[in-house]
Every structure is written in structure tokens, then in C-alpha cells.
Protein backbone atom coordinates (compact mmCIF):
# COMPACT_ATOMS: atom_id res chain seq x y z
CA MET A 1 59.81 131.76 142.52
CA LYS A 2 63.28 130.60 143.60
CA VAL A 3 64.38 132.70 146.29
CA GLU A 4 67.67 132.92 148.52
CA ALA A 5 65.70 132.52 152.08
CA TYR A 6 66.86 132.29 156.01
CA ILE A 7 65.98 129.28 156.96
CA HIS A 8 64.60 129.05 160.53
CA SER A 9 66.05 125.44 161.06
CA LEU A 10 69.84 126.20 159.58
CA GLY A 11 70.44 128.58 162.23
CA GLY A 12 72.11 126.52 164.45
CA SER A 13 72.14 126.57 168.33
CA ASP A 14 72.77 130.52 168.10
CA HIS A 15 69.21 131.78 167.76
CA HIS A 16 71.22 134.92 166.53
CA GLN A 17 72.77 132.98 163.31
CA HIS A 18 70.62 133.04 160.25
CA VAL A 19 71.81 130.98 157.49
CA LEU A 20 70.48 131.61 153.61
CA GLY A 21 69.03 128.59 151.73
CA GLU A 22 67.01 128.20 148.49
CA ALA A 23 63.33 128.00 148.86
CA GLU A 24 60.40 128.41 146.51
CA ILE A 25 58.01 131.17 147.48
CA LEU A 26 54.54 129.57 145.93
CA GLU A 27 52.12 131.68 146.91
CA ARG A 28 50.83 134.94 149.07
CA ILE A 29 48.20 133.29 151.59
CA GLY A 30 48.11 136.47 154.03
CA ASP A 31 49.11 139.81 154.92
CA ASN A 32 53.19 139.40 154.68
CA LEU A 33 52.32 135.60 154.76
CA TYR A 34 53.51 133.46 152.09
CA LEU A 35 53.28 129.20 151.33
CA ALA A 36 56.95 128.63 151.07
CA ALA A 37 58.24 125.02 149.97
CA TYR A 38 62.00 123.80 151.07
CA ASN A 39 63.12 120.20 150.60
CA GLY A 40 60.01 119.15 149.27
CA VAL A 41 57.43 120.36 152.42
CA ARG A 42 55.30 123.26 152.37
CA TYR A 43 55.83 125.81 155.02
CA THR A 44 54.87 129.40 156.08
CA ALA A 45 56.78 132.35 155.73
CA ILE A 46 57.36 136.12 155.69
CA PHE A 47 58.98 138.77 153.69
CA ASN A 48 61.43 141.33 155.80
CA ILE A 49 61.19 144.12 154.10
CA PHE A 50 64.26 145.42 156.19
CA VAL A 51 66.40 142.95 154.89
CA GLY A 52 65.00 142.15 151.27
CA ARG A 53 65.01 138.60 152.54
CA TYR A 54 61.73 135.54 152.98
CA PHE A 55 62.26 134.15 156.37
CA VAL A 56 61.08 130.73 156.30
CA ASP A 57 59.63 128.71 159.30
CA ASP A 58 60.48 125.04 158.64
CA VAL A 59 60.67 124.22 162.38
CA TYR A 60 56.77 125.89 163.50
CA GLY A 61 55.11 126.87 159.94
CA VAL A 62 55.04 122.76 158.53
CA GLN A 63 52.17 122.77 156.26
CA GLY A 64 52.21 119.35 154.60
CA THR A 65 54.08 117.99 151.52
CA LYS A 66 54.81 119.31 148.26
């Protein structure tokens, strides 16, 4: 499913700033751990219940190409 998610690398140099981008959630792979696709690459993601959004880690969570 396509979602608006917070993308780690889009935050800029101010680590407290979060920027939304479009990602695709491919599957659940663990407890609050998801496989997401962003720009043709697969990454890990989590869902934050407090803000109701996914957070895609496109910096440290690389899982391969889509």
C-alpha cells in the first residue's frame, strides 16, 4: 500500500525536522517492523502509533532493490 511516510534522509541536517515522502509498505516482517520501498529500493520501516505514520529508514535500513 502506498503511504505518506517520514523518510529518514529527507530530514536535512536538523535531525529534529521530519519530512514526508511517498513510500510503499510491502509487508510486515516483525513486531512493528515493515519492509518498505522508496525510490525503487527496499528499506526497513516502523509505524509510530502516536503520530499515525510510518518512518522509513533509507539511511541505515537498506534491504536491497525492489
